[in-house]
Protein backbone atom coordinates (compact mmCIF):
# COMPACT_ATOMS: atom_id res chain seq x y z
CA MET A 1 -77.70 -38.31 356.69
CA ILE A 2 -75.16 -37.00 359.15
CA ASP A 3 -74.35 -34.18 356.72
CA LEU A 4 -77.98 -33.16 356.58
CA ILE A 5 -78.24 -33.05 360.39
CA THR A 6 -74.98 -31.07 360.61
CA ARG A 7 -76.19 -28.54 358.08
CA ARG A 8 -79.53 -28.21 359.98
CA PHE A 9 -77.71 -27.52 363.26
CA ALA A 10 -75.40 -25.01 361.53
CA GLY A 11 -78.42 -23.26 360.03
CA ALA A 12 -80.20 -23.12 363.38
CA ARG A 13 -77.07 -21.81 365.13
CA ARG A 14 -76.64 -19.09 362.41
CA ALA A 15 -80.31 -18.07 362.82
CA LEU A 16 -79.98 -17.84 366.54
CA THR A 17 -76.81 -15.70 366.33
CA ARG A 18 -78.50 -13.35 363.87
CA ALA A 19 -81.71 -12.94 365.92
CA THR A 20 -82.47 -9.52 367.34
CA ILE A 21 -84.13 -8.70 370.59
CA LEU A 22 -87.57 -7.32 369.60
CA PRO A 23 -88.62 -10.20 367.39
CA PHE A 24 -87.39 -12.53 370.15
CA LEU A 25 -89.46 -10.70 372.73
CA VAL A 26 -92.54 -10.89 370.49
CA ARG A 27 -92.12 -14.63 370.28
CA CYS A 28 -91.63 -14.78 374.09
CA GLY A 29 -94.90 -12.85 374.43
CA ILE A 30 -96.67 -15.45 372.21
CA GLY A 31 -95.40 -18.22 374.52
CA VAL A 32 -96.39 -16.46 377.72
CA ALA A 33 -99.84 -15.62 376.37
CA GLY A 34 -100.32 -19.29 375.26
CA LEU A 35 -99.17 -20.68 378.62
CA ILE A 36 -101.50 -18.31 380.51
CA ALA A 37 -104.48 -19.25 378.33
CA MET A 38 -103.66 -22.93 378.61
CA SER A 39 -103.18 -22.92 382.41
CA VAL A 40 -106.38 -20.99 383.07
CA ALA A 41 -108.51 -23.02 380.64
CA TRP A 42 -107.57 -26.56 381.65
CA PRO A 43 -108.44 -28.05 385.08
CA ALA A 44 -106.15 -26.90 387.85
CA ALA A 45 -105.38 -30.50 388.77
CA LEU A 46 -103.41 -30.86 385.47
CA PHE A 47 -101.19 -27.86 386.15
CA GLY A 48 -97.74 -29.02 387.36
CA THR A 49 -98.20 -32.66 386.36
CA GLN A 50 -96.78 -34.65 383.43
CA PHE A 51 -100.14 -34.22 381.65
CA PHE A 52 -99.55 -30.44 381.34
CA VAL A 53 -96.34 -30.99 379.36
CA PRO A 54 -98.12 -31.73 375.99
CA LEU A 55 -100.38 -28.78 376.63
CA ALA A 56 -97.42 -26.57 377.26
CA VAL A 57 -95.82 -27.76 374.00
CA VAL A 58 -98.99 -26.95 372.09
CA ALA A 59 -99.10 -23.50 373.76
CA LEU A 60 -95.50 -22.75 372.92
CA TYR A 61 -95.51 -24.06 369.39
CA PRO A 62 -96.85 -20.84 367.75
CA ALA A 63 -93.87 -18.93 369.24
CA PHE A 64 -91.50 -21.18 367.33
CA ALA A 65 -93.51 -21.40 364.06
CA PRO A 66 -95.84 -18.39 363.85
CA ARG A 67 -96.51 -18.74 360.09
CA GLY A 68 -98.43 -22.05 360.28
CA ARG A 69 -101.70 -23.18 361.70
CA GLY A 70 -100.21 -23.71 365.18
CA ALA A 71 -101.89 -20.65 366.71
CA THR A 72 -105.30 -21.88 365.52
CA PHE A 73 -104.66 -25.41 366.85
CA ALA A 74 -103.43 -24.00 370.18
CA ALA A 75 -106.57 -21.79 370.52
CA LEU A 76 -108.80 -24.80 369.79
CA VAL A 77 -106.98 -26.81 372.49
CA VAL A 78 -107.49 -23.94 374.98
CA ILE A 79 -111.22 -23.74 374.13
CA GLY A 80 -111.50 -27.54 374.36
CA GLY A 81 -109.84 -27.44 377.79
CA TRP A 82 -112.18 -24.78 378.98
CA LEU A 83 -115.18 -26.75 377.76
CA ALA A 84 -113.85 -29.93 379.34
CA ASP A 85 -113.23 -28.16 382.65
CA THR A 86 -116.66 -26.57 382.81
CA ALA A 87 -118.64 -29.52 381.42
CA PHE A 88 -116.91 -32.57 382.97
CA TYR A 89 -115.20 -31.27 386.06
CA ASP A 90 -118.13 -29.09 387.13
CA SER A 91 -115.96 -25.94 387.39
CA GLU A 92 -118.03 -22.81 387.61
CA VAL A 93 -118.03 -20.36 384.69
CA SER A 94 -116.42 -17.32 386.29
CA LEU A 95 -116.01 -14.02 384.65
CA TRP A 96 -112.26 -13.67 385.47
CA ARG A 97 -111.46 -16.98 383.73
CA VAL A 98 -113.46 -16.08 380.58
CA LEU A 99 -111.82 -12.63 380.36
CA THR A 100 -108.36 -14.05 381.01
CA ILE A 101 -108.72 -16.80 378.44
CA ALA A 102 -110.17 -14.43 375.83
CA GLY A 103 -107.52 -11.76 376.48
CA ALA A 104 -104.65 -14.19 376.39
CA LEU A 105 -105.95 -15.79 373.20
CA TYR A 106 -106.38 -12.48 371.51
CA LEU A 107 -102.98 -11.20 372.56
CA GLY A 108 -101.31 -14.44 371.49
CA HIS A 109 -103.11 -14.38 368.15
CA SER A 110 -102.21 -10.76 367.54
CA LEU A 111 -98.53 -11.30 368.46
CA THR A 112 -98.45 -14.38 366.29
CA ALA A 113 -99.66 -12.29 363.33
CA LEU A 114 -96.90 -9.76 364.03
CA ALA A 115 -94.25 -12.46 364.34
CA ALA A 116 -95.38 -14.10 361.12
CA VAL A 117 -94.37 -11.03 359.13
CA LEU A 118 -91.39 -10.04 361.30
CA PRO A 119 -88.20 -11.80 360.44
CA SER A 120 -86.24 -13.00 363.45
CA ASP A 121 -83.18 -10.96 362.40
CA ALA A 122 -85.05 -7.72 361.63
CA VAL A 123 -84.00 -4.50 363.22
CA VAL A 124 -87.27 -3.02 364.38
CA ASN A 125 -88.08 0.26 366.04
CA ILE A 126 -89.59 -0.25 369.45
CA ASP A 127 -92.48 2.02 368.40
CA VAL A 128 -93.70 -0.62 365.97
CA VAL A 129 -94.04 -3.32 368.62
CA GLY A 130 -95.11 -0.88 371.24
CA LEU A 131 -98.00 0.52 369.20
CA TRP A 132 -98.99 -3.03 368.20
CA LEU A 133 -99.19 -4.01 371.85
CA LEU A 134 -100.98 -0.84 372.81
CA ARG A 135 -103.66 -1.44 370.17
CA ALA A 136 -104.04 -5.11 371.21
CA LEU A 137 -104.34 -4.17 374.91
CA ALA A 138 -106.82 -1.45 374.05
CA VAL A 139 -108.99 -4.01 372.20
CA ILE A 140 -108.76 -6.34 375.14
CA LEU A 141 -109.75 -3.60 377.63
CA VAL A 142 -112.73 -2.41 375.51
CA SER A 143 -113.93 -5.99 375.01
CA ALA A 144 -113.69 -6.73 378.77
CA VAL A 145 -115.63 -3.55 379.60
CA LEU A 146 -118.33 -4.33 377.02
CA THR A 147 -118.60 -7.90 378.21
CA VAL A 148 -119.14 -6.84 381.76
CA PHE A 149 -121.70 -4.28 380.60
CA ALA A 150 -123.55 -6.82 378.46
CA LEU A 151 -123.58 -9.38 381.26
CA GLY A 152 -125.07 -6.76 383.59
CA LEU A 153 -127.67 -5.82 381.06
CA ALA A 154 -128.45 -9.49 380.43
CA ALA A 155 -129.13 -10.01 384.13
CA GLU A 156 -131.64 -7.14 384.06
CA LEU A 157 -133.37 -8.27 380.86
CA ALA A 158 -133.40 -12.06 381.51
CA GLY A 159 -136.27 -13.96 380.05
CA GLY A 160 -137.82 -15.25 376.82
CA PRO A 161 -137.26 -12.19 374.58
CA PHE A 162 -133.63 -11.99 375.58
CA LEU A 163 -133.11 -15.62 374.74
CA VAL A 164 -134.71 -15.19 371.32
CA ALA A 165 -132.58 -12.13 370.65
CA THR A 166 -129.44 -14.08 371.62
CA VAL A 167 -130.24 -16.97 369.32
CA VAL A 168 -131.07 -14.62 366.41
CA GLY A 169 -127.83 -12.69 367.00
CA LEU A 170 -125.81 -15.92 367.00
CA ALA A 171 -127.53 -17.06 363.80
CA GLY A 172 -126.75 -13.70 362.23
CA ALA A 173 -123.14 -13.96 363.21
CA ALA A 174 -122.86 -17.51 361.84
CA ALA A 175 -124.54 -16.43 358.52
CA ALA A 176 -122.19 -13.46 358.22
CA THR A 177 -119.20 -15.74 358.79
CA LEU A 178 -120.41 -18.23 356.13
CA LEU A 179 -121.08 -15.37 353.68
CA ILE A 180 -117.59 -13.91 354.17
CA ALA A 181 -115.99 -17.36 353.85
CA ARG A 182 -117.93 -17.98 350.61
CA LEU A 183 -116.98 -14.61 349.19
CA VAL A 184 -113.28 -15.14 350.01
CA HIS A 185 -113.18 -18.54 348.36
CA ARG A 186 -115.19 -17.48 345.31
CA ALA A 187 -113.09 -17.63 342.15
């Protein structure tokens, strides 16, 4: 048993000494994005207390193990926190919170995808990570602009037809998701 633990520590030490800076910075970006999303989504009263520690662990887990389902679980915890804050703590739904949570979740998810295929000891050109970040930030910016535009348009067109169009659009998105999932899992 002691031999197994000693070998694990030796392997971890060897992996840390072989790690290069850009894969390490990508993983740091995953952790920062997760912490930002978690701290904005959950009630502000939790931030800085002992109850935030498990949330921080969940937010940081994808940075340590990007190949698993940790990023999905962390995103679900963030969404659950935002729903709990808005539904049970009567916090108002503000645009800056929604855009911050969405942007941080997308950036964390995108960096997790990069870290999953990037070995921690890889020598990577800065252009690879730089272009990856530039593309992710461009997607976040375009999404934020379109969200603000759609909300402004929704305020102008509020009423019954807009509600029907929203429900039909959500049903279409759900049907497309189910169709794609079925096609992927088809033998």
